[in-house]
Amino acid sequence: MKIMNCPLNGPRNISEFVHGGELREMPDPNLCSDGEWADYVFYHENAVAVVKEWWLHAPSSYWFIAERHTASDEILNTYDPSEIFNQRVEFSLPPKESEA
């Protein structure tokens, strides 16, 4: 049985987790092109390396970050996102055509 350490709930069976994708720098959604945004959302490096990824502990709905080696699938470290992020990203809606 594979175990992952959840920063909130401790060691848990891997079946309790959902992979959320690679952690990458987000382009400014208000300034980037549609192509740049699509690249950010849909494409990733898929390299053999240690990568930072988003993971969800499904029973508690807790999102956290894990460092995992993609070749061995070994989970090297897990931690709360507050260790990296210190502010919330707010998204604004574009103005409606009638308001432009």
C-alpha atoms as a PDB file:
ATOM      1  CA  MET A   1       0.000   0.000   0.000  1.00  0.00           C
ATOM      2  CA  LYS A   2       1.375   3.426  -0.978  1.00  0.00           C
ATOM      3  CA  ILE A   3       1.221   6.119   1.704  1.00  0.00           C
ATOM      4  CA  MET A   4       1.310   9.891   1.205  1.00  0.00           C
ATOM      5  CA  ASN A   5       1.859  12.312   4.046  1.00  0.00           C
ATOM      6  CA  CYS A   6      -0.885  14.944   4.101  1.00  0.00           C
ATOM      7  CA  PRO A   7       0.328  18.122   5.847  1.00  0.00           C
ATOM      8  CA  LEU A   8      -3.077  18.450   7.535  1.00  0.00           C
ATOM      9  CA  ASN A   9      -4.099  14.840   8.198  1.00  0.00           C
ATOM     10  CA  GLY A  10      -0.813  12.935   8.403  1.00  0.00           C
ATOM     11  CA  PRO A  11       0.056   9.681   6.581  1.00  0.00           C
ATOM     12  CA  ARG A  12      -2.874   8.397   4.497  1.00  0.00           C
ATOM     13  CA  ASN A  13      -3.499   5.766   1.817  1.00  0.00           C
ATOM     14  CA  ILE A  14      -2.757   7.170  -1.655  1.00  0.00           C
ATOM     15  CA  SER A  15      -6.317   6.284  -2.730  1.00  0.00           C
ATOM     16  CA  GLU A  16      -7.553   9.251  -0.657  1.00  0.00           C
ATOM     17  CA  PHE A  17      -5.717  11.763  -2.883  1.00  0.00           C
ATOM     18  CA  VAL A  18      -6.416  13.379  -6.246  1.00  0.00           C
ATOM     19  CA  HIS A  19      -3.625  14.769  -8.434  1.00  0.00           C
ATOM     20  CA  GLY A  20      -4.231  18.420  -9.316  1.00  0.00           C
ATOM     21  CA  GLY A  21      -1.436  19.047 -11.800  1.00  0.00           C
ATOM     22  CA  GLU A  22       1.982  20.592 -11.899  1.00  0.00           C
ATOM     23  CA  LEU A  23       2.611  23.797  -9.958  1.00  0.00           C
ATOM     24  CA  ARG A  24       3.685  26.459 -12.439  1.00  0.00           C
ATOM     25  CA  GLU A  25       3.896  30.229 -12.614  1.00  0.00           C
ATOM     26  CA  MET A  26       0.509  31.553 -13.705  1.00  0.00           C
ATOM     27  CA  PRO A  27       0.495  34.235 -16.412  1.00  0.00           C
ATOM     28  CA  ASP A  28      -1.569  37.340 -15.701  1.00  0.00           C
ATOM     29  CA  PRO A  29      -5.017  36.306 -17.011  1.00  0.00           C
ATOM     30  CA  ASN A  30      -5.863  39.939 -17.781  1.00  0.00           C
ATOM     31  CA  LEU A  31      -2.754  40.535 -19.906  1.00  0.00           C
ATOM     32  CA  CYS A  32      -1.842  37.228 -21.565  1.00  0.00           C
ATOM     33  CA  SER A  33      -3.116  35.988 -24.907  1.00  0.00           C
ATOM     34  CA  ASP A  34      -5.639  33.173 -25.234  1.00  0.00           C
ATOM     35  CA  GLY A  35      -2.815  30.959 -26.514  1.00  0.00           C
ATOM     36  CA  GLU A  36      -0.622  31.694 -23.481  1.00  0.00           C
ATOM     37  CA  TRP A  37      -3.532  30.950 -21.136  1.00  0.00           C
ATOM     38  CA  ALA A  38      -4.321  27.695 -22.979  1.00  0.00           C
ATOM     39  CA  ASP A  39      -0.659  26.646 -22.703  1.00  0.00           C
ATOM     40  CA  TYR A  40      -0.771  27.293 -18.949  1.00  0.00           C
ATOM     41  CA  VAL A  41      -4.016  25.376 -18.411  1.00  0.00           C
ATOM     42  CA  PHE A  42      -3.549  22.412 -20.758  1.00  0.00           C
ATOM     43  CA  TYR A  43       0.178  21.777 -21.286  1.00  0.00           C
ATOM     44  CA  HIS A  44       2.979  20.791 -18.953  1.00  0.00           C
ATOM     45  CA  GLU A  45       6.631  19.781 -19.181  1.00  0.00           C
ATOM     46  CA  ASN A  46       6.222  16.049 -18.460  1.00  0.00           C
ATOM     47  CA  ALA A  47       9.963  15.845 -17.755  1.00  0.00           C
ATOM     48  CA  VAL A  48      11.781  13.187 -15.752  1.00  0.00           C
ATOM     49  CA  ALA A  49      12.582  15.300 -12.710  1.00  0.00           C
ATOM     50  CA  VAL A  50      11.441  16.322  -9.274  1.00  0.00           C
ATOM     51  CA  VAL A  51       8.310  18.417  -9.795  1.00  0.00           C
ATOM     52  CA  LYS A  52       6.036  20.401  -7.497  1.00  0.00           C
ATOM     53  CA  GLU A  53       2.416  19.398  -7.880  1.00  0.00           C
ATOM     54  CA  TRP A  54      -0.985  20.250  -6.456  1.00  0.00           C
ATOM     55  CA  TRP A  55      -2.671  17.399  -4.574  1.00  0.00           C
ATOM     56  CA  LEU A  56      -6.075  17.184  -2.907  1.00  0.00           C
ATOM     57  CA  HIS A  57      -6.891  15.082   0.131  1.00  0.00           C
ATOM     58  CA  ALA A  58     -10.427  14.279  -1.036  1.00  0.00           C
ATOM     59  CA  PRO A  59     -12.052  13.366   2.326  1.00  0.00           C
ATOM     60  CA  SER A  60     -11.061  16.711   3.877  1.00  0.00           C
ATOM     61  CA  SER A  61     -11.009  18.851   0.675  1.00  0.00           C
ATOM     62  CA  TYR A  62      -7.525  20.033   1.637  1.00  0.00           C
ATOM     63  CA  TRP A  63      -5.229  21.193  -1.172  1.00  0.00           C
ATOM     64  CA  PHE A  64      -1.476  21.032  -0.648  1.00  0.00           C
ATOM     65  CA  ILE A  65       1.798  20.811  -2.570  1.00  0.00           C
ATOM     66  CA  ALA A  66       3.927  17.714  -3.022  1.00  0.00           C
ATOM     67  CA  GLU A  67       7.380  17.299  -4.505  1.00  0.00           C
ATOM     68  CA  ARG A  68       7.448  14.055  -6.498  1.00  0.00           C
ATOM     69  CA  HIS A  69      10.037  12.406  -8.736  1.00  0.00           C
ATOM     70  CA  THR A  70       8.268  11.573 -11.975  1.00  0.00           C
ATOM     71  CA  ALA A  71      10.444   8.553 -12.857  1.00  0.00           C
ATOM     72  CA  SER A  72      10.318   6.728  -9.526  1.00  0.00           C
ATOM     73  CA  ASP A  73       6.944   8.205  -8.420  1.00  0.00           C
ATOM     74  CA  GLU A  74       8.563   8.774  -5.016  1.00  0.00           C
ATOM     75  CA  ILE A  75       6.956  11.534  -2.962  1.00  0.00           C
ATOM     76  CA  LEU A  76       9.841  13.477  -1.438  1.00  0.00           C
ATOM     77  CA  ASN A  77       8.048  16.213   0.493  1.00  0.00           C
ATOM     78  CA  THR A  78       4.584  17.622   1.157  1.00  0.00           C
ATOM     79  CA  TYR A  79       3.666  21.019   2.579  1.00  0.00           C
ATOM     80  CA  ASP A  80       0.929  23.594   2.974  1.00  0.00           C
ATOM     81  CA  PRO A  81       0.607  26.100   0.096  1.00  0.00           C
ATOM     82  CA  SER A  82       1.030  28.991   2.549  1.00  0.00           C
ATOM     83  CA  GLU A  83       4.745  28.152   2.575  1.00  0.00           C
ATOM     84  CA  ILE A  84       4.912  29.470  -1.016  1.00  0.00           C
ATOM     85  CA  PHE A  85       1.874  31.687  -1.496  1.00  0.00           C
ATOM     86  CA  ASN A  86       1.157  34.708   0.675  1.00  0.00           C
ATOM     87  CA  GLN A  87      -1.706  36.338  -1.217  1.00  0.00           C
ATOM     88  CA  ARG A  88      -4.844  35.324  -3.043  1.00  0.00           C
ATOM     89  CA  VAL A  89      -5.166  35.760  -6.816  1.00  0.00           C
ATOM     90  CA  GLU A  90      -8.322  37.609  -7.794  1.00  0.00           C
ATOM     91  CA  PHE A  91      -9.766  37.217 -11.281  1.00  0.00           C
ATOM     92  CA  SER A  92     -11.746  40.007 -12.892  1.00  0.00           C
ATOM     93  CA  LEU A  93     -14.362  39.524 -15.562  1.00  0.00           C
ATOM     94  CA  PRO A  94     -13.960  41.385 -18.841  1.00  0.00           C
ATOM     95  CA  PRO A  95     -16.486  44.194 -19.375  1.00  0.00           C
ATOM     96  CA  LYS A  96     -19.673  43.219 -21.176  1.00  0.00           C
ATOM     97  CA  GLU A  97     -19.957  44.420 -24.768  1.00  0.00           C
ATOM     98  CA  SER A  98     -22.810  46.754 -23.793  1.00  0.00           C
ATOM     99  CA  GLU A  99     -20.494  48.404 -21.213  1.00  0.00           C
ATOM    100  CA  ALA A 100     -17.505  48.825 -23.535  1.00  0.00           C
END
